[in-house]
PDB file of all heavy atoms in Angstrom:
ATOM      1  N   THR A   1      42.010 -12.443 -18.635  1.00  0.00           N
ATOM      2  CA  THR A   1      40.878 -12.078 -17.778  1.00  0.00           C
ATOM      3  C   THR A   1      39.615 -12.811 -18.207  1.00  0.00           C
ATOM      4  O   THR A   1      38.867 -13.321 -17.372  1.00  0.00           O
ATOM      5  CB  THR A   1      40.638 -10.557 -17.833  1.00  0.00           C
ATOM      6  OG1 THR A   1      41.816  -9.878 -17.383  1.00  0.00           O
ATOM      7  CG2 THR A   1      39.464 -10.152 -16.953  1.00  0.00           C
ATOM      8  N   HIS A   2      39.384 -12.893 -19.525  1.00  0.00           N
ATOM      9  CA  HIS A   2      38.197 -13.570 -20.055  1.00  0.00           C
ATOM     10  C   HIS A   2      38.171 -15.049 -19.693  1.00  0.00           C
ATOM     11  O   HIS A   2      37.111 -15.589 -19.346  1.00  0.00           O
ATOM     12  CB  HIS A   2      38.142 -13.420 -21.577  1.00  0.00           C
ATOM     13  CG  HIS A   2      37.234 -14.411 -22.242  1.00  0.00           C
ATOM     14  ND1 HIS A   2      35.858 -14.258 -22.272  1.00  0.00           N
ATOM     15  CD2 HIS A   2      37.489 -15.592 -22.872  1.00  0.00           C
ATOM     16  CE1 HIS A   2      35.315 -15.293 -22.898  1.00  0.00           C
ATOM     17  NE2 HIS A   2      36.280 -16.106 -23.272  1.00  0.00           N
ATOM     18  N   GLU A   3      39.329 -15.710 -19.774  1.00  0.00           N
ATOM     19  CA  GLU A   3      39.398 -17.156 -19.515  1.00  0.00           C
ATOM     20  C   GLU A   3      38.922 -17.525 -18.108  1.00  0.00           C
ATOM     21  O   GLU A   3      38.514 -18.653 -17.861  1.00  0.00           O
ATOM     22  CB  GLU A   3      40.832 -17.660 -19.744  1.00  0.00           C
ATOM     23  CG  GLU A   3      41.191 -17.749 -21.226  1.00  0.00           C
ATOM     24  CD  GLU A   3      42.639 -18.154 -21.464  1.00  0.00           C
ATOM     25  OE1 GLU A   3      43.499 -17.810 -20.605  1.00  0.00           O
ATOM     26  OE2 GLU A   3      42.924 -18.806 -22.477  1.00  0.00           O
ATOM     27  N   ARG A   4      38.963 -16.567 -17.206  1.00  0.00           N
ATOM     28  CA  ARG A   4      38.497 -16.819 -15.836  1.00  0.00           C
ATOM     29  C   ARG A   4      36.991 -17.046 -15.775  1.00  0.00           C
ATOM     30  O   ARG A   4      36.492 -17.613 -14.807  1.00  0.00           O
ATOM     31  CB  ARG A   4      38.907 -15.660 -14.919  1.00  0.00           C
ATOM     32  CG  ARG A   4      40.411 -15.592 -14.711  1.00  0.00           C
ATOM     33  CD  ARG A   4      40.822 -14.384 -13.898  1.00  0.00           C
ATOM     34  NE  ARG A   4      42.274 -14.247 -13.903  1.00  0.00           N
ATOM     35  CZ  ARG A   4      42.933 -13.096 -13.880  1.00  0.00           C
ATOM     36  NH1 ARG A   4      42.272 -11.961 -13.838  1.00  0.00           N
ATOM     37  NH2 ARG A   4      44.246 -13.070 -13.886  1.00  0.00           N
ATOM     38  N   THR A   5      36.262 -16.602 -16.812  1.00  0.00           N
ATOM     39  CA  THR A   5      34.819 -16.857 -16.841  1.00  0.00           C
ATOM     40  C   THR A   5      34.555 -18.343 -17.069  1.00  0.00           C
ATOM     41  O   THR A   5      33.492 -18.848 -16.719  1.00  0.00           O
ATOM     42  CB  THR A   5      34.121 -16.039 -17.955  1.00  0.00           C
ATOM     43  OG1 THR A   5      34.656 -16.432 -19.247  1.00  0.00           O
ATOM     44  CG2 THR A   5      34.343 -14.553 -17.774  1.00  0.00           C
ATOM     45  N   HIS A   6      35.532 -19.041 -17.674  1.00  0.00           N
ATOM     46  CA  HIS A   6      35.408 -20.484 -17.906  1.00  0.00           C
ATOM     47  C   HIS A   6      35.970 -21.292 -16.732  1.00  0.00           C
ATOM     48  O   HIS A   6      35.383 -22.300 -16.324  1.00  0.00           O
ATOM     49  CB  HIS A   6      36.133 -20.885 -19.187  1.00  0.00           C
ATOM     50  CG  HIS A   6      35.613 -20.214 -20.424  1.00  0.00           C
ATOM     51  ND1 HIS A   6      34.319 -20.370 -20.869  1.00  0.00           N
ATOM     52  CD2 HIS A   6      36.221 -19.374 -21.308  1.00  0.00           C
ATOM     53  CE1 HIS A   6      34.145 -19.656 -21.988  1.00  0.00           C
ATOM     54  NE2 HIS A   6      35.286 -19.049 -22.261  1.00  0.00           N
ATOM     55  N   THR A   7      37.106 -20.853 -16.198  1.00  0.00           N
ATOM     56  CA  THR A   7      37.767 -21.614 -15.143  1.00  0.00           C
ATOM     57  C   THR A   7      37.211 -21.310 -13.754  1.00  0.00           C
ATOM     58  O   THR A   7      37.345 -22.118 -12.839  1.00  0.00           O
ATOM     59  CB  THR A   7      39.279 -21.317 -15.120  1.00  0.00           C
ATOM     60  OG1 THR A   7      39.477 -19.923 -14.801  1.00  0.00           O
ATOM     61  CG2 THR A   7      39.921 -21.620 -16.469  1.00  0.00           C
ATOM     62  N   GLY A   8      36.600 -20.135 -13.618  1.00  0.00           N
ATOM     63  CA  GLY A   8      36.093 -19.744 -12.305  1.00  0.00           C
ATOM     64  C   GLY A   8      37.198 -19.239 -11.381  1.00  0.00           C
ATOM     65  O   GLY A   8      36.968 -18.981 -10.199  1.00  0.00           O
ATOM     66  N   GLU A   9      38.405 -19.085 -11.925  1.00  0.00           N
ATOM     67  CA  GLU A   9      39.540 -18.636 -11.125  1.00  0.00           C
ATOM     68  C   GLU A   9      39.339 -17.202 -10.641  1.00  0.00           C
ATOM     69  O   GLU A   9      38.935 -16.320 -11.400  1.00  0.00           O
ATOM     70  CB  GLU A   9      40.825 -18.720 -11.968  1.00  0.00           C
ATOM     71  CG  GLU A   9      42.087 -18.341 -11.219  1.00  0.00           C
ATOM     72  CD  GLU A   9      43.306 -18.288 -12.131  1.00  0.00           C
ATOM     73  OE1 GLU A   9      43.172 -18.552 -13.335  1.00  0.00           O
ATOM     74  OE2 GLU A   9      44.391 -17.965 -11.614  1.00  0.00           O
ATOM     75  N   LYS A  10      39.621 -16.977  -9.366  1.00  0.00           N
ATOM     76  CA  LYS A  10      39.506 -15.646  -8.762  1.00  0.00           C
ATOM     77  C   LYS A  10      40.783 -15.385  -7.953  1.00  0.00           C
ATOM     78  O   LYS A  10      40.822 -15.604  -6.751  1.00  0.00           O
ATOM     79  CB  LYS A  10      38.270 -15.561  -7.877  1.00  0.00           C
ATOM     80  CG  LYS A  10      36.955 -15.684  -8.651  1.00  0.00           C
ATOM     81  CD  LYS A  10      35.754 -15.580  -7.737  1.00  0.00           C
ATOM     82  CE  LYS A  10      34.453 -15.636  -8.530  1.00  0.00           C
ATOM     83  NZ  LYS A  10      33.268 -15.509  -7.658  1.00  0.00           N
ATOM     84  N   PRO A  11      41.842 -14.902  -8.633  1.00  0.00           N
ATOM     85  CA  PRO A  11      43.147 -14.789  -7.974  1.00  0.00           C
ATOM     86  C   PRO A  11      43.323 -13.601  -7.034  1.00  0.00           C
ATOM     87  O   PRO A  11      44.318 -13.524  -6.318  1.00  0.00           O
ATOM     88  CB  PRO A  11      44.109 -14.682  -9.161  1.00  0.00           C
ATOM     89  CG  PRO A  11      43.298 -14.060 -10.239  1.00  0.00           C
ATOM     90  CD  PRO A  11      41.902 -14.548 -10.051  1.00  0.00           C
ATOM     91  N   TYR A  12      42.364 -12.667  -7.024  1.00  0.00           N
ATOM     92  CA  TYR A  12      42.512 -11.474  -6.191  1.00  0.00           C
ATOM     93  C   TYR A  12      41.600 -11.562  -4.969  1.00  0.00           C
ATOM     94  O   TYR A  12      40.380 -11.557  -5.093  1.00  0.00           O
ATOM     95  CB  TYR A  12      42.191 -10.220  -7.004  1.00  0.00           C
ATOM     96  CG  TYR A  12      43.018 -10.109  -8.263  1.00  0.00           C
ATOM     97  CD1 TYR A  12      42.471 -10.407  -9.513  1.00  0.00           C
ATOM     98  CD2 TYR A  12      44.364  -9.744  -8.207  1.00  0.00           C
ATOM     99  CE1 TYR A  12      43.240 -10.327 -10.663  1.00  0.00           C
ATOM    100  CE2 TYR A  12      45.132  -9.665  -9.357  1.00  0.00           C
ATOM    101  CZ  TYR A  12      44.568  -9.956 -10.576  1.00  0.00           C
ATOM    102  OH  TYR A  12      45.322  -9.885 -11.714  1.00  0.00           O
ATOM    103  N   SER A  13      42.212 -11.678  -3.787  1.00  0.00           N
ATOM    104  CA  SER A  13      41.432 -11.837  -2.562  1.00  0.00           C
ATOM    105  C   SER A  13      41.587 -10.641  -1.630  1.00  0.00           C
ATOM    106  O   SER A  13      42.668 -10.041  -1.541  1.00  0.00           O
ATOM    107  CB  SER A  13      41.832 -13.123  -1.838  1.00  0.00           C
ATOM    108  OG  SER A  13      43.186 -13.076  -1.458  1.00  0.00           O
ATOM    109  N   CYS A  14      40.514 -10.322  -0.932  1.00  0.00           N
ATOM    110  CA  CYS A  14      40.493  -9.204   0.007  1.00  0.00           C
ATOM    111  C   CYS A  14      41.168  -9.616   1.312  1.00  0.00           C
ATOM    112  O   CYS A  14      40.787 -10.611   1.937  1.00  0.00           O
ATOM    113  CB  CYS A  14      39.048  -8.771   0.261  1.00  0.00           C
ATOM    114  SG  CYS A  14      38.887  -7.488   1.509  1.00  0.00           S
ATOM    115  N   SER A  15      42.161  -8.863   1.742  1.00  0.00           N
ATOM    116  CA  SER A  15      42.892  -9.176   2.970  1.00  0.00           C
ATOM    117  C   SER A  15      42.030  -8.950   4.203  1.00  0.00           C
ATOM    118  O   SER A  15      42.325  -9.462   5.276  1.00  0.00           O
ATOM    119  CB  SER A  15      44.158  -8.311   3.062  1.00  0.00           C
ATOM    120  OG  SER A  15      43.817  -6.928   3.015  1.00  0.00           O
ATOM    121  N   GLU A  16      40.942  -8.198   4.038  1.00  0.00           N
ATOM    122  CA  GLU A  16      40.079  -7.879   5.175  1.00  0.00           C
ATOM    123  C   GLU A  16      39.050  -8.977   5.452  1.00  0.00           C
ATOM    124  O   GLU A  16      38.846  -9.396   6.583  1.00  0.00           O
ATOM    125  CB  GLU A  16      39.360  -6.550   4.904  1.00  0.00           C
ATOM    126  CG  GLU A  16      38.611  -5.973   6.081  1.00  0.00           C
ATOM    127  CD  GLU A  16      39.526  -5.404   7.156  1.00  0.00           C
ATOM    128  OE1 GLU A  16      40.650  -4.977   6.829  1.00  0.00           O
ATOM    129  OE2 GLU A  16      39.116  -5.423   8.326  1.00  0.00           O
ATOM    130  N   CYS A  17      38.375  -9.459   4.382  1.00  0.00           N
ATOM    131  CA  CYS A  17      37.294 -10.434   4.589  1.00  0.00           C
ATOM    132  C   CYS A  17      37.476 -11.735   3.813  1.00  0.00           C
ATOM    133  O   CYS A  17      36.689 -12.670   3.974  1.00  0.00           O
ATOM    134  CB  CYS A  17      35.943  -9.813   4.212  1.00  0.00           C
ATOM    135  SG  CYS A  17      35.772  -9.444   2.436  1.00  0.00           S
ATOM    136  N   GLY A  18      38.510 -11.806   2.939  1.00  0.00           N
ATOM    137  CA  GLY A  18      38.788 -13.039   2.216  1.00  0.00           C
ATOM    138  C   GLY A  18      38.008 -13.238   0.932  1.00  0.00           C
ATOM    139  O   GLY A  18      38.208 -14.221   0.223  1.00  0.00           O
ATOM    140  N   LYS A  19      37.096 -12.321   0.606  1.00  0.00           N
ATOM    141  CA  LYS A  19      36.312 -12.449  -0.622  1.00  0.00           C
ATOM    142  C   LYS A  19      37.246 -12.373  -1.829  1.00  0.00           C
ATOM    143  O   LYS A  19      38.182 -11.567  -1.851  1.00  0.00           O
ATOM    144  CB  LYS A  19      35.251 -11.348  -0.691  1.00  0.00           C
ATOM    145  CG  LYS A  19      34.201 -11.577  -1.764  1.00  0.00           C
ATOM    146  CD  LYS A  19      33.063 -10.557  -1.659  1.00  0.00           C
ATOM    147  CE  LYS A  19      31.999 -10.849  -2.714  1.00  0.00           C
ATOM    148  NZ  LYS A  19      30.870  -9.885  -2.638  1.00  0.00           N
ATOM    149  N   CYS A  20      36.969 -13.229  -2.847  1.00  0.00           N
ATOM    150  CA  CYS A  20      37.861 -13.310  -4.018  1.00  0.00           C
ATOM    151  C   CYS A  20      37.209 -12.736  -5.270  1.00  0.00           C
ATOM    152  O   CYS A  20      35.987 -12.783  -5.431  1.00  0.00           O
ATOM    153  CB  CYS A  20      38.269 -14.756  -4.258  1.00  0.00           C
ATOM    154  SG  CYS A  20      39.252 -15.441  -2.912  1.00  0.00           S
ATOM    155  N   PHE A  21      38.058 -12.256  -6.180  1.00  0.00           N
ATOM    156  CA  PHE A  21      37.587 -11.611  -7.402  1.00  0.00           C
ATOM    157  C   PHE A  21      38.428 -12.050  -8.602  1.00  0.00           C
ATOM    158  O   PHE A  21      39.614 -12.333  -8.468  1.00  0.00           O
ATOM    159  CB  PHE A  21      37.659 -10.093  -7.255  1.00  0.00           C
ATOM    160  CG  PHE A  21      36.821  -9.562  -6.122  1.00  0.00           C
ATOM    161  CD1 PHE A  21      37.342  -9.503  -4.834  1.00  0.00           C
ATOM    162  CD2 PHE A  21      35.517  -9.151  -6.323  1.00  0.00           C
ATOM    163  CE1 PHE A  21      36.583  -9.046  -3.767  1.00  0.00           C
ATOM    164  CE2 PHE A  21      34.746  -8.685  -5.275  1.00  0.00           C
ATOM    165  CZ  PHE A  21      35.271  -8.636  -4.001  1.00  0.00           C
ATOM    166  N   ALA A  22      37.771 -12.057  -9.764  1.00  0.00           N
ATOM    167  CA  ALA A  22      38.459 -12.426 -11.004  1.00  0.00           C
ATOM    168  C   ALA A  22      39.262 -11.249 -11.561  1.00  0.00           C
ATOM    169  O   ALA A  22      40.257 -11.432 -12.248  1.00  0.00           O
ATOM    170  CB  ALA A  22      37.447 -12.898 -12.047  1.00  0.00           C
ATOM    171  N   HIS A  23      38.824 -10.025 -11.249  1.00  0.00           N
ATOM    172  CA  HIS A  23      39.483  -8.820 -11.759  1.00  0.00           C
ATOM    173  C   HIS A  23      40.056  -7.995 -10.612  1.00  0.00           C
ATOM    174  O   HIS A  23      39.385  -7.801  -9.588  1.00  0.00           O
ATOM    175  CB  HIS A  23      38.504  -7.954 -12.549  1.00  0.00           C
ATOM    176  CG  HIS A  23      37.733  -8.703 -13.590  1.00  0.00           C
ATOM    177  ND1 HIS A  23      38.301  -9.135 -14.758  1.00  0.00           N
ATOM    178  CD2 HIS A  23      36.440  -9.110 -13.620  1.00  0.00           C
ATOM    179  CE1 HIS A  23      37.388  -9.779 -15.470  1.00  0.00           C
ATOM    180  NE2 HIS A  23      36.259  -9.781 -14.801  1.00  0.00           N
ATOM    181  N   LYS A  24      41.252  -7.483 -10.811  1.00  0.00           N
ATOM    182  CA  LYS A  24      41.888  -6.671  -9.771  1.00  0.00           C
ATOM    183  C   LYS A  24      41.096  -5.400  -9.505  1.00  0.00           C
ATOM    184  O   LYS A  24      40.992  -4.943  -8.358  1.00  0.00           O
ATOM    185  CB  LYS A  24      43.324  -6.319 -10.177  1.00  0.00           C
ATOM    186  CG  LYS A  24      44.113  -5.688  -9.044  1.00  0.00           C
ATOM    187  CD  LYS A  24      45.567  -5.473  -9.403  1.00  0.00           C
ATOM    188  CE  LYS A  24      46.322  -4.891  -8.218  1.00  0.00           C
ATOM    189  NZ  LYS A  24      47.757  -4.691  -8.527  1.00  0.00           N
ATOM    190  N   SER A  25      40.526  -4.810 -10.558  1.00  0.00           N
ATOM    191  CA  SER A  25      39.752  -3.580 -10.401  1.00  0.00           C
ATOM    192  C   SER A  25      38.540  -3.797  -9.505  1.00  0.00           C
ATOM    193  O   SER A  25      38.146  -2.911  -8.741  1.00  0.00           O
ATOM    194  CB  SER A  25      39.305  -3.052 -11.771  1.00  0.00           C
ATOM    195  OG  SER A  25      38.497  -4.013 -12.443  1.00  0.00           O
ATOM    196  N   HIS A  26      37.937  -5.006  -9.586  1.00  0.00           N
ATOM    197  CA  HIS A  26      36.789  -5.324  -8.735  1.00  0.00           C
ATOM    198  C   HIS A  26      37.218  -5.430  -7.267  1.00  0.00           C
ATOM    199  O   HIS A  26      36.473  -5.035  -6.368  1.00  0.00           O
ATOM    200  CB  HIS A  26      36.142  -6.634  -9.186  1.00  0.00           C
ATOM    201  CG  HIS A  26      35.494  -6.540 -10.539  1.00  0.00           C
ATOM    202  ND1 HIS A  26      34.957  -7.628 -11.197  1.00  0.00           N
ATOM    203  CD2 HIS A  26      35.303  -5.477 -11.359  1.00  0.00           C
ATOM    204  CE1 HIS A  26      34.467  -7.238 -12.363  1.00  0.00           C
ATOM    205  NE2 HIS A  26      34.665  -5.942 -12.480  1.00  0.00           N
ATOM    206  N   LEU A  27      38.421  -5.973  -7.033  1.00  0.00           N
ATOM    207  CA  LEU A  27      38.952  -6.054  -5.677  1.00  0.00           C
ATOM    208  C   LEU A  27      39.178  -4.657  -5.108  1.00  0.00           C
ATOM    209  O   LEU A  27      38.798  -4.368  -3.967  1.00  0.00           O
ATOM    210  CB  LEU A  27      40.266  -6.842  -5.652  1.00  0.00           C
ATOM    211  CG  LEU A  27      41.066  -6.785  -4.340  1.00  0.00           C
ATOM    212  CD1 LEU A  27      40.260  -7.368  -3.183  1.00  0.00           C
ATOM    213  CD2 LEU A  27      42.399  -7.500  -4.483  1.00  0.00           C
ATOM    214  N   VAL A  28      39.791  -3.785  -5.927  1.00  0.00           N
ATOM    215  CA  VAL A  28      40.076  -2.409  -5.490  1.00  0.00           C
ATOM    216  C   VAL A  28      38.786  -1.694  -5.094  1.00  0.00           C
ATOM    217  O   VAL A  28      38.715  -1.031  -4.054  1.00  0.00           O
ATOM    218  CB  VAL A  28      40.803  -1.620  -6.600  1.00  0.00           C
ATOM    219  CG1 VAL A  28      40.892  -0.138  -6.249  1.00  0.00           C
ATOM    220  CG2 VAL A  28      42.194  -2.195  -6.841  1.00  0.00           C
ATOM    221  N   THR A  29      37.736  -1.859  -5.930  1.00  0.00           N
ATOM    222  CA  THR A  29      36.438  -1.240  -5.622  1.00  0.00           C
ATOM    223  C   THR A  29      35.851  -1.824  -4.343  1.00  0.00           C
ATOM    224  O   THR A  29      35.329  -1.089  -3.495  1.00  0.00           O
ATOM    225  CB  THR A  29      35.458  -1.461  -6.795  1.00  0.00           C
ATOM    226  OG1 THR A  29      36.002  -0.868  -7.980  1.00  0.00           O
ATOM    227  CG2 THR A  29      34.112  -0.827  -6.505  1.00  0.00           C
ATOM    228  N   HIS A  30      35.934  -3.157  -4.195  1.00  0.00           N
ATOM    229  CA  HIS A  30      35.397  -3.826  -3.014  1.00  0.00           C
ATOM    230  C   HIS A  30      36.075  -3.350  -1.729  1.00  0.00           C
ATOM    231  O   HIS A  30      35.406  -3.131  -0.708  1.00  0.00           O
ATOM    232  CB  HIS A  30      35.564  -5.345  -3.145  1.00  0.00           C
ATOM    233  CG  HIS A  30      35.415  -6.071  -1.841  1.00  0.00           C
ATOM    234  ND1 HIS A  30      34.188  -6.345  -1.263  1.00  0.00           N
ATOM    235  CD2 HIS A  30      36.352  -6.566  -0.980  1.00  0.00           C
ATOM    236  CE1 HIS A  30      34.371  -6.974  -0.122  1.00  0.00           C
ATOM    237  NE2 HIS A  30      35.666  -7.124   0.075  1.00  0.00           N
ATOM    238  N   GLU A  31      37.387  -3.202  -1.768  1.00  0.00           N
ATOM    239  CA  GLU A  31      38.148  -2.808  -0.577  1.00  0.00           C
ATOM    240  C   GLU A  31      37.691  -1.472  -0.009  1.00  0.00           C
ATOM    241  O   GLU A  31      37.847  -1.208   1.189  1.00  0.00           O
ATOM    242  CB  GLU A  31      39.653  -2.777  -0.894  1.00  0.00           C
ATOM    243  CG  GLU A  31      40.267  -4.168  -1.032  1.00  0.00           C
ATOM    244  CD  GLU A  31      41.728  -4.145  -1.414  1.00  0.00           C
ATOM    245  OE1 GLU A  31      42.126  -3.230  -2.158  1.00  0.00           O
ATOM    246  OE2 GLU A  31      42.478  -5.035  -0.977  1.00  0.00           O
ATOM    247  N   ARG A  32      37.096  -0.648  -0.869  1.00  0.00           N
ATOM    248  CA  ARG A  32      36.593   0.658  -0.403  1.00  0.00           C
ATOM    249  C   ARG A  32      35.396   0.505   0.541  1.00  0.00           C
ATOM    250  O   ARG A  32      35.080   1.429   1.283  1.00  0.00           O
ATOM    251  CB  ARG A  32      36.234   1.536  -1.604  1.00  0.00           C
ATOM    252  CG  ARG A  32      37.453   1.988  -2.383  1.00  0.00           C
ATOM    253  CD  ARG A  32      37.116   2.699  -3.657  1.00  0.00           C
ATOM    254  NE  ARG A  32      38.314   2.951  -4.441  1.00  0.00           N
ATOM    255  CZ  ARG A  32      38.365   3.016  -5.761  1.00  0.00           C
ATOM    256  NH1 ARG A  32      37.273   2.864  -6.472  1.00  0.00           N
ATOM    257  NH2 ARG A  32      39.502   3.240  -6.383  1.00  0.00           N
ATOM    258  N   SER A  33      34.732  -0.675   0.494  1.00  0.00           N
ATOM    259  CA  SER A  33      33.624  -0.917   1.412  1.00  0.00           C
ATOM    260  C   SER A  33      34.150  -1.088   2.835  1.00  0.00           C
ATOM    261  O   SER A  33      33.424  -0.907   3.808  1.00  0.00           O
ATOM    262  CB  SER A  33      32.833  -2.163   0.995  1.00  0.00           C
ATOM    263  OG  SER A  33      33.623  -3.340   1.123  1.00  0.00           O
ATOM    264  N   HIS A  34      35.445  -1.427   2.960  1.00  0.00           N
ATOM    265  CA  HIS A  34      36.076  -1.566   4.275  1.00  0.00           C
ATOM    266  C   HIS A  34      36.721  -0.247   4.721  1.00  0.00           C
ATOM    267  O   HIS A  34      36.642   0.125   5.889  1.00  0.00           O
ATOM    268  CB  HIS A  34      37.138  -2.662   4.256  1.00  0.00           C
ATOM    269  CG  HIS A  34      36.615  -4.025   3.933  1.00  0.00           C
ATOM    270  ND1 HIS A  34      35.702  -4.689   4.726  1.00  0.00           N
ATOM    271  CD2 HIS A  34      36.876  -4.868   2.889  1.00  0.00           C
ATOM    272  CE1 HIS A  34      35.418  -5.870   4.199  1.00  0.00           C
ATOM    273  NE2 HIS A  34      36.120  -6.003   3.081  1.00  0.00           N
ATOM    274  N   THR A  35      37.360   0.437   3.781  1.00  0.00           N
ATOM    275  CA  THR A  35      38.092   1.662   4.118  1.00  0.00           C
ATOM    276  C   THR A  35      37.193   2.892   4.142  1.00  0.00           C
ATOM    277  O   THR A  35      37.535   3.904   4.773  1.00  0.00           O
ATOM    278  CB  THR A  35      39.217   1.920   3.106  1.00  0.00           C
ATOM    279  OG1 THR A  35      38.640   2.123   1.795  1.00  0.00           O
ATOM    280  CG2 THR A  35      40.187   0.739   3.046  1.00  0.00           C
ATOM    281  N   GLY A  36      36.037   2.813   3.431  1.00  0.00           N
ATOM    282  CA  GLY A  36      35.135   3.969   3.361  1.00  0.00           C
ATOM    283  C   GLY A  36      35.605   5.009   2.359  1.00  0.00           C
ATOM    284  O   GLY A  36      35.023   6.093   2.251  1.00  0.00           O
ATOM    285  N   GLU A  37      36.658   4.683   1.601  1.00  0.00           N
ATOM    286  CA  GLU A  37      37.206   5.629   0.622  1.00  0.00           C
ATOM    287  C   GLU A  37      36.222   5.874  -0.519  1.00  0.00           C
ATOM    288  O   GLU A  37      35.623   4.951  -1.055  1.00  0.00           O
ATOM    289  CB  GLU A  37      38.521   5.065   0.054  1.00  0.00           C
ATOM    290  CG  GLU A  37      39.205   5.984  -0.942  1.00  0.00           C
ATOM    291  CD  GLU A  37      40.337   5.321  -1.704  1.00  0.00           C
ATOM    292  OE1 GLU A  37      40.532   4.097  -1.532  1.00  0.00           O
ATOM    293  OE2 GLU A  37      41.001   6.005  -2.481  1.00  0.00           O
ATOM    294  N   ARG A  38      36.053   7.160  -0.883  1.00  0.00           N
ATOM    295  CA  ARG A  38      35.201   7.550  -2.013  1.00  0.00           C
ATOM    296  C   ARG A  38      35.993   8.559  -2.856  1.00  0.00           C
ATOM    297  O   ARG A  38      35.846   9.763  -2.689  1.00  0.00           O
ATOM    298  CB  ARG A  38      33.898   8.164  -1.523  1.00  0.00           C
ATOM    299  CG  ARG A  38      32.981   7.168  -0.822  1.00  0.00           C
ATOM    300  CD  ARG A  38      31.785   7.866  -0.198  1.00  0.00           C
ATOM    301  NE  ARG A  38      30.851   6.878   0.307  1.00  0.00           N
ATOM    302  CZ  ARG A  38      29.716   6.525  -0.298  1.00  0.00           C
ATOM    303  NH1 ARG A  38      29.394   7.085  -1.442  1.00  0.00           N
ATOM    304  NH2 ARG A  38      28.926   5.609   0.237  1.00  0.00           N
ATOM    305  N   PRO A  39      36.846   8.048  -3.760  1.00  0.00           N
ATOM    306  CA  PRO A  39      37.786   8.932  -4.464  1.00  0.00           C
ATOM    307  C   PRO A  39      37.188   9.786  -5.584  1.00  0.00           C
ATOM    308  O   PRO A  39      37.842  10.700  -6.074  1.00  0.00           O
ATOM    309  CB  PRO A  39      38.811   7.953  -5.035  1.00  0.00           C
ATOM    310  CG  PRO A  39      38.060   6.674  -5.203  1.00  0.00           C
ATOM    311  CD  PRO A  39      37.040   6.644  -4.117  1.00  0.00           C
ATOM    312  N   TYR A  40      35.937   9.485  -5.994  1.00  0.00           N
ATOM    313  CA  TYR A  40      35.341  10.222  -7.108  1.00  0.00           C
ATOM    314  C   TYR A  40      34.265  11.179  -6.590  1.00  0.00           C
ATOM    315  O   TYR A  40      33.212  10.746  -6.134  1.00  0.00           O
ATOM    316  CB  TYR A  40      34.757   9.257  -8.131  1.00  0.00           C
ATOM    317  CG  TYR A  40      35.769   8.243  -8.618  1.00  0.00           C
ATOM    318  CD1 TYR A  40      35.753   6.922  -8.154  1.00  0.00           C
ATOM    319  CD2 TYR A  40      36.771   8.604  -9.516  1.00  0.00           C
ATOM    320  CE1 TYR A  40      36.698   6.012  -8.575  1.00  0.00           C
ATOM    321  CE2 TYR A  40      37.726   7.692  -9.945  1.00  0.00           C
ATOM    322  CZ  TYR A  40      37.675   6.397  -9.471  1.00  0.00           C
ATOM    323  OH  TYR A  40      38.617   5.484  -9.886  1.00  0.00           O
TER     324      TYR A  40
END
């Protein structure tokens, strides 16, 4: 995960808008902006 800060690699992309993320957890959080889910 750390090495992506050097390579700029963002392997996790949002199927809704195409935005990419370096961390899967960031993608999961982002996807809630589309679904409106608020689990906490």
